Amino acid sequence: FRSTFRDWAAEQTSLPGEVAEAALAHTVP
């Protein structure tokens, strides 16, 4: 479901990708 959230954020919102990554608590590569 975390991948589901990331796909939705990328395709259905205009917020930058790093906002979704922060929501998932992913480390910055």
mmCIF file of all heavy atoms, coordinates in Angstrom:
data_MODEL
# 
_entry.id   MODEL 
# 
loop_
_atom_site.group_PDB 
_atom_site.id 
_atom_site.type_symbol 
_atom_site.label_atom_id 
_atom_site.label_alt_id 
_atom_site.label_comp_id 
_atom_site.label_asym_id 
_atom_site.label_entity_id 
_atom_site.label_seq_id 
_atom_site.pdbx_PDB_ins_code 
_atom_site.Cartn_x 
_atom_site.Cartn_y 
_atom_site.Cartn_z 
_atom_site.occupancy 
_atom_site.B_iso_or_equiv 
_atom_site.pdbx_formal_charge 
_atom_site.auth_seq_id 
_atom_site.auth_comp_id 
_atom_site.auth_asym_id 
_atom_site.auth_atom_id 
_atom_site.pdbx_PDB_model_num 
ATOM 1   N N   . PHE A 1 1  ? 0.824  -1.212 0.000   1.00 0.00 ? 1  PHE A N   1 
ATOM 2   C CA  . PHE A 1 1  ? 0.000  0.000  0.000   1.00 0.00 ? 1  PHE A CA  1 
ATOM 3   C C   . PHE A 1 1  ? 0.858  1.262  0.000   1.00 0.00 ? 1  PHE A C   1 
ATOM 4   O O   . PHE A 1 1  ? 0.399  2.328  -0.427  1.00 0.00 ? 1  PHE A O   1 
ATOM 5   C CB  . PHE A 1 1  ? -0.944 0.001  1.204   1.00 0.00 ? 1  PHE A CB  1 
ATOM 6   C CG  . PHE A 1 1  ? -2.070 -0.986 1.074   1.00 0.00 ? 1  PHE A CG  1 
ATOM 7   C CD1 . PHE A 1 1  ? -2.142 -2.087 1.908   1.00 0.00 ? 1  PHE A CD1 1 
ATOM 8   C CD2 . PHE A 1 1  ? -3.051 -0.828 0.101   1.00 0.00 ? 1  PHE A CD2 1 
ATOM 9   C CE1 . PHE A 1 1  ? -3.172 -3.007 1.785   1.00 0.00 ? 1  PHE A CE1 1 
ATOM 10  C CE2 . PHE A 1 1  ? -4.080 -1.743 -0.031  1.00 0.00 ? 1  PHE A CE2 1 
ATOM 11  C CZ  . PHE A 1 1  ? -4.141 -2.845 0.807   1.00 0.00 ? 1  PHE A CZ  1 
ATOM 12  N N   . ARG A 1 2  ? 2.084  1.152  0.470   1.00 0.00 ? 2  ARG A N   1 
ATOM 13  C CA  . ARG A 1 2  ? 2.992  2.301  0.396   1.00 0.00 ? 2  ARG A CA  1 
ATOM 14  C C   . ARG A 1 2  ? 3.353  2.597  -1.060  1.00 0.00 ? 2  ARG A C   1 
ATOM 15  O O   . ARG A 1 2  ? 3.480  3.758  -1.456  1.00 0.00 ? 2  ARG A O   1 
ATOM 16  C CB  . ARG A 1 2  ? 4.247  2.039  1.237   1.00 0.00 ? 2  ARG A CB  1 
ATOM 17  C CG  . ARG A 1 2  ? 3.973  2.137  2.733   1.00 0.00 ? 2  ARG A CG  1 
ATOM 18  C CD  . ARG A 1 2  ? 5.082  1.574  3.599   1.00 0.00 ? 2  ARG A CD  1 
ATOM 19  N NE  . ARG A 1 2  ? 6.395  2.145  3.353   1.00 0.00 ? 2  ARG A NE  1 
ATOM 20  C CZ  . ARG A 1 2  ? 6.836  3.279  3.881   1.00 0.00 ? 2  ARG A CZ  1 
ATOM 21  N NH1 . ARG A 1 2  ? 6.032  4.002  4.669   1.00 0.00 ? 2  ARG A NH1 1 
ATOM 22  N NH2 . ARG A 1 2  ? 8.056  3.704  3.637   1.00 0.00 ? 2  ARG A NH2 1 
ATOM 23  N N   . SER A 1 3  ? 3.505  1.544  -1.855  1.00 0.00 ? 3  SER A N   1 
ATOM 24  C CA  . SER A 1 3  ? 3.739  1.738  -3.290  1.00 0.00 ? 3  SER A CA  1 
ATOM 25  C C   . SER A 1 3  ? 2.497  2.303  -3.966  1.00 0.00 ? 3  SER A C   1 
ATOM 26  O O   . SER A 1 3  ? 2.591  3.145  -4.874  1.00 0.00 ? 3  SER A O   1 
ATOM 27  C CB  . SER A 1 3  ? 4.129  0.415  -3.951  1.00 0.00 ? 3  SER A CB  1 
ATOM 28  O OG  . SER A 1 3  ? 5.357  -0.058 -3.449  1.00 0.00 ? 3  SER A OG  1 
ATOM 29  N N   . THR A 1 4  ? 1.321  1.840  -3.512  1.00 0.00 ? 4  THR A N   1 
ATOM 30  C CA  . THR A 1 4  ? 0.066  2.384  -4.037  1.00 0.00 ? 4  THR A CA  1 
ATOM 31  C C   . THR A 1 4  ? -0.005 3.886  -3.776  1.00 0.00 ? 4  THR A C   1 
ATOM 32  O O   . THR A 1 4  ? -0.355 4.678  -4.661  1.00 0.00 ? 4  THR A O   1 
ATOM 33  C CB  . THR A 1 4  ? -1.136 1.682  -3.371  1.00 0.00 ? 4  THR A CB  1 
ATOM 34  O OG1 . THR A 1 4  ? -1.071 0.283  -3.636  1.00 0.00 ? 4  THR A OG1 1 
ATOM 35  C CG2 . THR A 1 4  ? -2.452 2.222  -3.906  1.00 0.00 ? 4  THR A CG2 1 
ATOM 36  N N   . PHE A 1 5  ? 0.348  4.285  -2.555  1.00 0.00 ? 5  PHE A N   1 
ATOM 37  C CA  . PHE A 1 5  ? 0.370  5.702  -2.202  1.00 0.00 ? 5  PHE A CA  1 
ATOM 38  C C   . PHE A 1 5  ? 1.355  6.476  -3.082  1.00 0.00 ? 5  PHE A C   1 
ATOM 39  O O   . PHE A 1 5  ? 1.036  7.565  -3.586  1.00 0.00 ? 5  PHE A O   1 
ATOM 40  C CB  . PHE A 1 5  ? 0.758  5.854  -0.725  1.00 0.00 ? 5  PHE A CB  1 
ATOM 41  C CG  . PHE A 1 5  ? 1.096  7.262  -0.317  1.00 0.00 ? 5  PHE A CG  1 
ATOM 42  C CD1 . PHE A 1 5  ? 0.096  8.185  -0.034  1.00 0.00 ? 5  PHE A CD1 1 
ATOM 43  C CD2 . PHE A 1 5  ? 2.425  7.672  -0.218  1.00 0.00 ? 5  PHE A CD2 1 
ATOM 44  C CE1 . PHE A 1 5  ? 0.409  9.481  0.340   1.00 0.00 ? 5  PHE A CE1 1 
ATOM 45  C CE2 . PHE A 1 5  ? 2.753  8.963  0.151   1.00 0.00 ? 5  PHE A CE2 1 
ATOM 46  C CZ  . PHE A 1 5  ? 1.743  9.878  0.433   1.00 0.00 ? 5  PHE A CZ  1 
ATOM 47  N N   . ARG A 1 6  ? 2.537  5.908  -3.305  1.00 0.00 ? 6  ARG A N   1 
ATOM 48  C CA  . ARG A 1 6  ? 3.555  6.624  -4.098  1.00 0.00 ? 6  ARG A CA  1 
ATOM 49  C C   . ARG A 1 6  ? 3.111  6.779  -5.542  1.00 0.00 ? 6  ARG A C   1 
ATOM 50  O O   . ARG A 1 6  ? 3.319  7.855  -6.142  1.00 0.00 ? 6  ARG A O   1 
ATOM 51  C CB  . ARG A 1 6  ? 4.884  5.856  -4.024  1.00 0.00 ? 6  ARG A CB  1 
ATOM 52  C CG  . ARG A 1 6  ? 6.063  6.628  -4.627  1.00 0.00 ? 6  ARG A CG  1 
ATOM 53  C CD  . ARG A 1 6  ? 6.302  7.892  -3.839  1.00 0.00 ? 6  ARG A CD  1 
ATOM 54  N NE  . ARG A 1 6  ? 7.372  8.697  -4.429  1.00 0.00 ? 6  ARG A NE  1 
ATOM 55  C CZ  . ARG A 1 6  ? 7.188  9.636  -5.339  1.00 0.00 ? 6  ARG A CZ  1 
ATOM 56  N NH1 . ARG A 1 6  ? 5.976  9.882  -5.825  1.00 0.00 ? 6  ARG A NH1 1 
ATOM 57  N NH2 . ARG A 1 6  ? 8.204  10.341 -5.799  1.00 0.00 ? 6  ARG A NH2 1 
ATOM 58  N N   . ASP A 1 7  ? 2.492  5.743  -6.094  1.00 0.00 ? 7  ASP A N   1 
ATOM 59  C CA  . ASP A 1 7  ? 1.993  5.846  -7.472  1.00 0.00 ? 7  ASP A CA  1 
ATOM 60  C C   . ASP A 1 7  ? 0.898  6.897  -7.571  1.00 0.00 ? 7  ASP A C   1 
ATOM 61  O O   . ASP A 1 7  ? 0.867  7.700  -8.519  1.00 0.00 ? 7  ASP A O   1 
ATOM 62  C CB  . ASP A 1 7  ? 1.448  4.492  -7.937  1.00 0.00 ? 7  ASP A CB  1 
ATOM 63  C CG  . ASP A 1 7  ? 2.530  3.440  -8.100  1.00 0.00 ? 7  ASP A CG  1 
ATOM 64  O OD1 . ASP A 1 7  ? 3.716  3.825  -8.167  1.00 0.00 ? 7  ASP A OD1 1 
ATOM 65  O OD2 . ASP A 1 7  ? 2.202  2.243  -8.146  1.00 0.00 ? 7  ASP A OD2 1 
ATOM 66  N N   . TRP A 1 8  ? -0.020 6.895  -6.611  1.00 0.00 ? 8  TRP A N   1 
ATOM 67  C CA  . TRP A 1 8  ? -1.101 7.874  -6.606  1.00 0.00 ? 8  TRP A CA  1 
ATOM 68  C C   . TRP A 1 8  ? -0.546 9.298  -6.509  1.00 0.00 ? 8  TRP A C   1 
ATOM 69  O O   . TRP A 1 8  ? -0.976 10.201 -7.243  1.00 0.00 ? 8  TRP A O   1 
ATOM 70  C CB  . TRP A 1 8  ? -2.042 7.584  -5.430  1.00 0.00 ? 8  TRP A CB  1 
ATOM 71  C CG  . TRP A 1 8  ? -3.016 8.691  -5.167  1.00 0.00 ? 8  TRP A CG  1 
ATOM 72  C CD1 . TRP A 1 8  ? -4.227 8.898  -5.766  1.00 0.00 ? 8  TRP A CD1 1 
ATOM 73  C CD2 . TRP A 1 8  ? -2.843 9.764  -4.231  1.00 0.00 ? 8  TRP A CD2 1 
ATOM 74  N NE1 . TRP A 1 8  ? -4.823 10.039 -5.265  1.00 0.00 ? 8  TRP A NE1 1 
ATOM 75  C CE2 . TRP A 1 8  ? -3.990 10.590 -4.316  1.00 0.00 ? 8  TRP A CE2 1 
ATOM 76  C CE3 . TRP A 1 8  ? -1.836 10.109 -3.331  1.00 0.00 ? 8  TRP A CE3 1 
ATOM 77  C CZ2 . TRP A 1 8  ? -4.145 11.731 -3.533  1.00 0.00 ? 8  TRP A CZ2 1 
ATOM 78  C CZ3 . TRP A 1 8  ? -1.985 11.246 -2.559  1.00 0.00 ? 8  TRP A CZ3 1 
ATOM 79  C CH2 . TRP A 1 8  ? -3.132 12.047 -2.665  1.00 0.00 ? 8  TRP A CH2 1 
ATOM 80  N N   . ALA A 1 9  ? 0.419  9.510  -5.598  1.00 0.00 ? 9  ALA A N   1 
ATOM 81  C CA  . ALA A 1 9  ? 0.985  10.850 -5.416  1.00 0.00 ? 9  ALA A CA  1 
ATOM 82  C C   . ALA A 1 9  ? 1.666  11.344 -6.686  1.00 0.00 ? 9  ALA A C   1 
ATOM 83  O O   . ALA A 1 9  ? 1.570  12.526 -7.044  1.00 0.00 ? 9  ALA A O   1 
ATOM 84  C CB  . ALA A 1 9  ? 1.978  10.836 -4.252  1.00 0.00 ? 9  ALA A CB  1 
ATOM 85  N N   . ALA A 1 10 ? 2.344  10.432 -7.398  1.00 0.00 ? 10 ALA A N   1 
ATOM 86  C CA  . ALA A 1 10 ? 3.047  10.823 -8.617  1.00 0.00 ? 10 ALA A CA  1 
ATOM 87  C C   . ALA A 1 10 ? 2.088  11.165 -9.754  1.00 0.00 ? 10 ALA A C   1 
ATOM 88  O O   . ALA A 1 10 ? 2.349  12.086 -10.540 1.00 0.00 ? 10 ALA A O   1 
ATOM 89  C CB  . ALA A 1 10 ? 3.986  9.698  -9.051  1.00 0.00 ? 10 ALA A CB  1 
ATOM 90  N N   . GLU A 1 11 ? 0.967  10.438 -9.839  1.00 0.00 ? 11 GLU A N   1 
ATOM 91  C CA  . GLU A 1 11 ? 0.080  10.590 -10.990 1.00 0.00 ? 11 GLU A CA  1 
ATOM 92  C C   . GLU A 1 11 ? -1.127 11.473 -10.732 1.00 0.00 ? 11 GLU A C   1 
ATOM 93  O O   . GLU A 1 11 ? -1.744 11.970 -11.685 1.00 0.00 ? 11 GLU A O   1 
ATOM 94  C CB  . GLU A 1 11 ? -0.401 9.204  -11.442 1.00 0.00 ? 11 GLU A CB  1 
ATOM 95  C CG  . GLU A 1 11 ? 0.737  8.294  -11.903 1.00 0.00 ? 11 GLU A CG  1 
ATOM 96  C CD  . GLU A 1 11 ? 0.238  6.952  -12.396 1.00 0.00 ? 11 GLU A CD  1 
ATOM 97  O OE1 . GLU A 1 11 ? -0.977 6.810  -12.637 1.00 0.00 ? 11 GLU A OE1 1 
ATOM 98  O OE2 . GLU A 1 11 ? 1.067  6.036  -12.522 1.00 0.00 ? 11 GLU A OE2 1 
ATOM 99  N N   . GLN A 1 12 ? -1.487 11.691 -9.468  1.00 0.00 ? 12 GLN A N   1 
ATOM 100 C CA  . GLN A 1 12 ? -2.727 12.406 -9.178  1.00 0.00 ? 12 GLN A CA  1 
ATOM 101 C C   . GLN A 1 12 ? -2.539 13.692 -8.391  1.00 0.00 ? 12 GLN A C   1 
ATOM 102 O O   . GLN A 1 12 ? -3.519 14.360 -8.059  1.00 0.00 ? 12 GLN A O   1 
ATOM 103 C CB  . GLN A 1 12 ? -3.668 11.480 -8.391  1.00 0.00 ? 12 GLN A CB  1 
ATOM 104 C CG  . GLN A 1 12 ? -4.090 10.231 -9.137  1.00 0.00 ? 12 GLN A CG  1 
ATOM 105 C CD  . GLN A 1 12 ? -4.941 10.542 -10.363 1.00 0.00 ? 12 GLN A CD  1 
ATOM 106 O OE1 . GLN A 1 12 ? -5.822 11.408 -10.308 1.00 0.00 ? 12 GLN A OE1 1 
ATOM 107 N NE2 . GLN A 1 12 ? -4.665 9.875  -11.473 1.00 0.00 ? 12 GLN A NE2 1 
ATOM 108 N N   . THR A 1 13 ? -1.294 14.062 -8.068  1.00 0.00 ? 13 THR A N   1 
ATOM 109 C CA  . THR A 1 13 ? -1.060 15.320 -7.360  1.00 0.00 ? 13 THR A CA  1 
ATOM 110 C C   . THR A 1 13 ? 0.039  16.093 -8.073  1.00 0.00 ? 13 THR A C   1 
ATOM 111 O O   . THR A 1 13 ? 0.803  15.540 -8.872  1.00 0.00 ? 13 THR A O   1 
ATOM 112 C CB  . THR A 1 13 ? -0.641 15.091 -5.893  1.00 0.00 ? 13 THR A CB  1 
ATOM 113 O OG1 . THR A 1 13 ? 0.727  14.668 -5.846  1.00 0.00 ? 13 THR A OG1 1 
ATOM 114 C CG2 . THR A 1 13 ? -1.524 14.061 -5.218  1.00 0.00 ? 13 THR A CG2 1 
ATOM 115 N N   . SER A 1 14 ? 0.109  17.377 -7.755  1.00 0.00 ? 14 SER A N   1 
ATOM 116 C CA  . SER A 1 14 ? 1.127  18.231 -8.365  1.00 0.00 ? 14 SER A CA  1 
ATOM 117 C C   . SER A 1 14 ? 2.254  18.559 -7.396  1.00 0.00 ? 14 SER A C   1 
ATOM 118 O O   . SER A 1 14 ? 3.142  19.341 -7.723  1.00 0.00 ? 14 SER A O   1 
ATOM 119 C CB  . SER A 1 14 ? 0.481  19.538 -8.848  1.00 0.00 ? 14 SER A CB  1 
ATOM 120 O OG  . SER A 1 14 ? -0.149 20.201 -7.759  1.00 0.00 ? 14 SER A OG  1 
ATOM 121 N N   . LEU A 1 15 ? 2.223  17.941 -6.202  1.00 0.00 ? 15 LEU A N   1 
ATOM 122 C CA  . LEU A 1 15 ? 3.282  18.211 -5.224  1.00 0.00 ? 15 LEU A CA  1 
ATOM 123 C C   . LEU A 1 15 ? 4.590  17.551 -5.664  1.00 0.00 ? 15 LEU A C   1 
ATOM 124 O O   . LEU A 1 15 ? 4.580  16.501 -6.317  1.00 0.00 ? 15 LEU A O   1 
ATOM 125 C CB  . LEU A 1 15 ? 2.871  17.678 -3.859  1.00 0.00 ? 15 LEU A CB  1 
ATOM 126 C CG  . LEU A 1 15 ? 1.774  18.473 -3.133  1.00 0.00 ? 15 LEU A CG  1 
ATOM 127 C CD1 . LEU A 1 15 ? 1.301  17.728 -1.903  1.00 0.00 ? 15 LEU A CD1 1 
ATOM 128 C CD2 . LEU A 1 15 ? 2.298  19.856 -2.741  1.00 0.00 ? 15 LEU A CD2 1 
ATOM 129 N N   . PRO A 1 16 ? 5.728  18.144 -5.327  1.00 0.00 ? 16 PRO A N   1 
ATOM 130 C CA  . PRO A 1 16 ? 7.026  17.558 -5.705  1.00 0.00 ? 16 PRO A CA  1 
ATOM 131 C C   . PRO A 1 16 ? 7.204  16.152 -5.146  1.00 0.00 ? 16 PRO A C   1 
ATOM 132 O O   . PRO A 1 16 ? 6.666  15.817 -4.080  1.00 0.00 ? 16 PRO A O   1 
ATOM 133 C CB  . PRO A 1 16 ? 8.044  18.520 -5.078  1.00 0.00 ? 16 PRO A CB  1 
ATOM 134 C CG  . PRO A 1 16 ? 7.291  19.797 -4.878  1.00 0.00 ? 16 PRO A CG  1 
ATOM 135 C CD  . PRO A 1 16 ? 5.877  19.408 -4.589  1.00 0.00 ? 16 PRO A CD  1 
ATOM 136 N N   . GLY A 1 17 ? 7.967  15.338 -5.856  1.00 0.00 ? 17 GLY A N   1 
ATOM 137 C CA  . GLY A 1 17 ? 8.187  13.960 -5.446  1.00 0.00 ? 17 GLY A CA  1 
ATOM 138 C C   . GLY A 1 17 ? 8.824  13.834 -4.084  1.00 0.00 ? 17 GLY A C   1 
ATOM 139 O O   . GLY A 1 17 ? 8.532  12.872 -3.338  1.00 0.00 ? 17 GLY A O   1 
ATOM 140 N N   . GLU A 1 18 ? 9.673  14.798 -3.696  1.00 0.00 ? 18 GLU A N   1 
ATOM 141 C CA  . GLU A 1 18 ? 10.337 14.678 -2.402  1.00 0.00 ? 18 GLU A CA  1 
ATOM 142 C C   . GLU A 1 18 ? 9.347  14.804 -1.236  1.00 0.00 ? 18 GLU A C   1 
ATOM 143 O O   . GLU A 1 18 ? 9.625  14.333 -0.131  1.00 0.00 ? 18 GLU A O   1 
ATOM 144 C CB  . GLU A 1 18 ? 11.458 15.710 -2.248  1.00 0.00 ? 18 GLU A CB  1 
ATOM 145 C CG  . GLU A 1 18 ? 11.050 17.133 -2.490  1.00 0.00 ? 18 GLU A CG  1 
ATOM 146 C CD  . GLU A 1 18 ? 11.404 17.587 -3.896  1.00 0.00 ? 18 GLU A CD  1 
ATOM 147 O OE1 . GLU A 1 18 ? 11.310 16.765 -4.820  1.00 0.00 ? 18 GLU A OE1 1 
ATOM 148 O OE2 . GLU A 1 18 ? 11.781 18.767 -4.043  1.00 0.00 ? 18 GLU A OE2 1 
ATOM 149 N N   . VAL A 1 19 ? 8.181  15.426 -1.477  1.00 0.00 ? 19 VAL A N   1 
ATOM 150 C CA  . VAL A 1 19 ? 7.170  15.506 -0.428  1.00 0.00 ? 19 VAL A CA  1 
ATOM 151 C C   . VAL A 1 19 ? 6.597  14.113 -0.157  1.00 0.00 ? 19 VAL A C   1 
ATOM 152 O O   . VAL A 1 19 ? 6.441  13.700 0.992   1.00 0.00 ? 19 VAL A O   1 
ATOM 153 C CB  . VAL A 1 19 ? 6.050  16.492 -0.813  1.00 0.00 ? 19 VAL A CB  1 
ATOM 154 C CG1 . VAL A 1 19 ? 4.967  16.510 0.276   1.00 0.00 ? 19 VAL A CG1 1 
ATOM 155 C CG2 . VAL A 1 19 ? 6.616  17.888 -1.017  1.00 0.00 ? 19 VAL A CG2 1 
ATOM 156 N N   . ALA A 1 20 ? 6.297  13.382 -1.215  1.00 0.00 ? 20 ALA A N   1 
ATOM 157 C CA  . ALA A 1 20 ? 5.801  12.014 -1.058  1.00 0.00 ? 20 ALA A CA  1 
ATOM 158 C C   . ALA A 1 20 ? 6.865  11.125 -0.430  1.00 0.00 ? 20 ALA A C   1 
ATOM 159 O O   . ALA A 1 20 ? 6.554  10.258 0.405   1.00 0.00 ? 20 ALA A O   1 
ATOM 160 C CB  . ALA A 1 20 ? 5.369  11.448 -2.407  1.00 0.00 ? 20 ALA A CB  1 
ATOM 161 N N   . GLU A 1 21 ? 8.130  11.314 -0.820  1.00 0.00 ? 21 GLU A N   1 
ATOM 162 C CA  . GLU A 1 21 ? 9.208  10.524 -0.229  1.00 0.00 ? 21 GLU A CA  1 
ATOM 163 C C   . GLU A 1 21 ? 9.344  10.805 1.264   1.00 0.00 ? 21 GLU A C   1 
ATOM 164 O O   . GLU A 1 21 ? 9.585  9.898  2.068   1.00 0.00 ? 21 GLU A O   1 
ATOM 165 C CB  . GLU A 1 21 ? 10.537 10.824 -0.939  1.00 0.00 ? 21 GLU A CB  1 
ATOM 166 C CG  . GLU A 1 21 ? 10.610 10.316 -2.365  1.00 0.00 ? 21 GLU A CG  1 
ATOM 167 C CD  . GLU A 1 21 ? 10.523 8.797  -2.423  1.00 0.00 ? 21 GLU A CD  1 
ATOM 168 O OE1 . GLU A 1 21 ? 11.418 8.139  -1.894  1.00 0.00 ? 21 GLU A OE1 1 
ATOM 169 O OE2 . GLU A 1 21 ? 9.538  8.289  -2.992  1.00 0.00 ? 21 GLU A OE2 1 
ATOM 170 N N   . ALA A 1 22 ? 9.168  12.080 1.644   1.00 0.00 ? 22 ALA A N   1 
ATOM 171 C CA  . ALA A 1 22 ? 9.212  12.425 3.063   1.00 0.00 ? 22 ALA A CA  1 
ATOM 172 C C   . ALA A 1 22 ? 8.036  11.811 3.808   1.00 0.00 ? 22 ALA A C   1 
ATOM 173 O O   . ALA A 1 22 ? 8.165  11.380 4.959   1.00 0.00 ? 22 ALA A O   1 
ATOM 174 C CB  . ALA A 1 22 ? 9.207  13.942 3.227   1.00 0.00 ? 22 ALA A CB  1 
ATOM 175 N N   . ALA A 1 23 ? 6.869  11.752 3.158   1.00 0.00 ? 23 ALA A N   1 
ATOM 176 C CA  . ALA A 1 23 ? 5.700  11.135 3.784   1.00 0.00 ? 23 ALA A CA  1 
ATOM 177 C C   . ALA A 1 23 ? 5.938  9.660  4.055   1.00 0.00 ? 23 ALA A C   1 
ATOM 178 O O   . ALA A 1 23 ? 5.429  9.101  5.030   1.00 0.00 ? 23 ALA A O   1 
ATOM 179 C CB  . ALA A 1 23 ? 4.471  11.321 2.892   1.00 0.00 ? 23 ALA A CB  1 
ATOM 180 N N   . LEU A 1 24 ? 6.724  9.012  3.200   1.00 0.00 ? 24 LEU A N   1 
ATOM 181 C CA  . LEU A 1 24 ? 7.041  7.596  3.363   1.00 0.00 ? 24 LEU A CA  1 
ATOM 182 C C   . LEU A 1 24 ? 8.253  7.371  4.275   1.00 0.00 ? 24 LEU A C   1 
ATOM 183 O O   . LEU A 1 24 ? 8.649  6.225  4.511   1.00 0.00 ? 24 LEU A O   1 
ATOM 184 C CB  . LEU A 1 24 ? 7.322  6.961  1.994   1.00 0.00 ? 24 LEU A CB  1 
ATOM 185 C CG  . LEU A 1 24 ? 6.105  6.861  1.058   1.00 0.00 ? 24 LEU A CG  1 
ATOM 186 C CD1 . LEU A 1 24 ? 6.560  6.489  -0.349  1.00 0.00 ? 24 LEU A CD1 1 
ATOM 187 C CD2 . LEU A 1 24 ? 5.109  5.843  1.581   1.00 0.00 ? 24 LEU A CD2 1 
ATOM 188 N N   . ALA A 1 25 ? 8.848  8.475  4.760   1.00 0.00 ? 25 ALA A N   1 
ATOM 189 C CA  . ALA A 1 25 ? 10.030 8.402  5.632   1.00 0.00 ? 25 ALA A CA  1 
ATOM 190 C C   . ALA A 1 25 ? 11.189 7.712  4.937   1.00 0.00 ? 25 ALA A C   1 
ATOM 191 O O   . ALA A 1 25 ? 11.975 6.994  5.560   1.00 0.00 ? 25 ALA A O   1 
ATOM 192 C CB  . ALA A 1 25 ? 9.701  7.704  6.947   1.00 0.00 ? 25 ALA A CB  1 
ATOM 193 N N   . HIS A 1 26 ? 11.301 7.932  3.621   1.00 0.00 ? 26 HIS A N   1 
ATOM 194 C CA  . HIS A 1 26 ? 12.437 7.381  2.888   1.00 0.00 ? 26 HIS A CA  1 
ATOM 195 C C   . HIS A 1 26 ? 13.653 8.273  3.080   1.00 0.00 ? 26 HIS A C   1 
ATOM 196 O O   . HIS A 1 26 ? 13.532 9.494  3.149   1.00 0.00 ? 26 HIS A O   1 
ATOM 197 C CB  . HIS A 1 26 ? 12.112 7.290  1.391   1.00 0.00 ? 26 HIS A CB  1 
ATOM 198 C CG  . HIS A 1 26 ? 11.231 6.129  1.051   1.00 0.00 ? 26 HIS A CG  1 
ATOM 199 N ND1 . HIS A 1 26 ? 10.580 5.999  -0.148  1.00 0.00 ? 26 HIS A ND1 1 
ATOM 200 C CD2 . HIS A 1 26 ? 10.897 5.031  1.769   1.00 0.00 ? 26 HIS A CD2 1 
ATOM 201 C CE1 . HIS A 1 26 ? 9.875  4.884  -0.172  1.00 0.00 ? 26 HIS A CE1 1 
ATOM 202 N NE2 . HIS A 1 26 ? 10.061 4.279  0.988   1.00 0.00 ? 26 HIS A NE2 1 
ATOM 203 N N   . THR A 1 27 ? 14.818 7.651  3.156   1.00 0.00 ? 27 THR A N   1 
ATOM 204 C CA  . THR A 1 27 ? 16.045 8.423  3.271   1.00 0.00 ? 27 THR A CA  1 
ATOM 205 C C   . THR A 1 27 ? 16.390 9.045  1.923   1.00 0.00 ? 27 THR A C   1 
ATOM 206 O O   . THR A 1 27 ? 16.070 8.497  0.868   1.00 0.00 ? 27 THR A O   1 
ATOM 207 C CB  . THR A 1 27 ? 17.213 7.538  3.725   1.00 0.00 ? 27 THR A CB  1 
ATOM 208 O OG1 . THR A 1 27 ? 17.327 6.424  2.824   1.00 0.00 ? 27 THR A OG1 1 
ATOM 209 C CG2 . THR A 1 27 ? 16.974 7.010  5.129   1.00 0.00 ? 27 THR A CG2 1 
ATOM 210 N N   . VAL A 1 28 ? 17.034 10.194 1.965   1.00 0.00 ? 28 VAL A N   1 
ATOM 211 C CA  . VAL A 1 28 ? 17.434 10.867 0.729   1.00 0.00 ? 28 VAL A CA  1 
ATOM 212 C C   . VAL A 1 28 ? 18.636 10.145 0.155   1.00 0.00 ? 28 VAL A C   1 
ATOM 213 O O   . VAL A 1 28 ? 19.647 9.969  0.834   1.00 0.00 ? 28 VAL A O   1 
ATOM 214 C CB  . VAL A 1 28 ? 17.779 12.338 1.010   1.00 0.00 ? 28 VAL A CB  1 
ATOM 215 C CG1 . VAL A 1 28 ? 18.153 13.059 -0.267  1.00 0.00 ? 28 VAL A CG1 1 
ATOM 216 C CG2 . VAL A 1 28 ? 16.601 13.027 1.691   1.00 0.00 ? 28 VAL A CG2 1 
ATOM 217 N N   . PRO A 1 29 ? 18.590 9.700  -1.101  1.00 0.00 ? 29 PRO A N   1 
ATOM 218 C CA  . PRO A 1 29 ? 19.671 8.876  -1.639  1.00 0.00 ? 29 PRO A CA  1 
ATOM 219 C C   . PRO A 1 29 ? 20.974 9.614  -1.877  1.00 0.00 ? 29 PRO A C   1 
ATOM 220 O O   . PRO A 1 29 ? 22.034 9.013  -1.838  1.00 0.00 ? 29 PRO A O   1 
ATOM 221 C CB  . PRO A 1 29 ? 19.085 8.355  -2.958  1.00 0.00 ? 29 PRO A CB  1 
ATOM 222 C CG  . PRO A 1 29 ? 18.026 9.342  -3.329  1.00 0.00 ? 29 PRO A CG  1 
ATOM 223 C CD  . PRO A 1 29 ? 17.467 9.852  -2.041  1.00 0.00 ? 29 PRO A CD  1 
# 
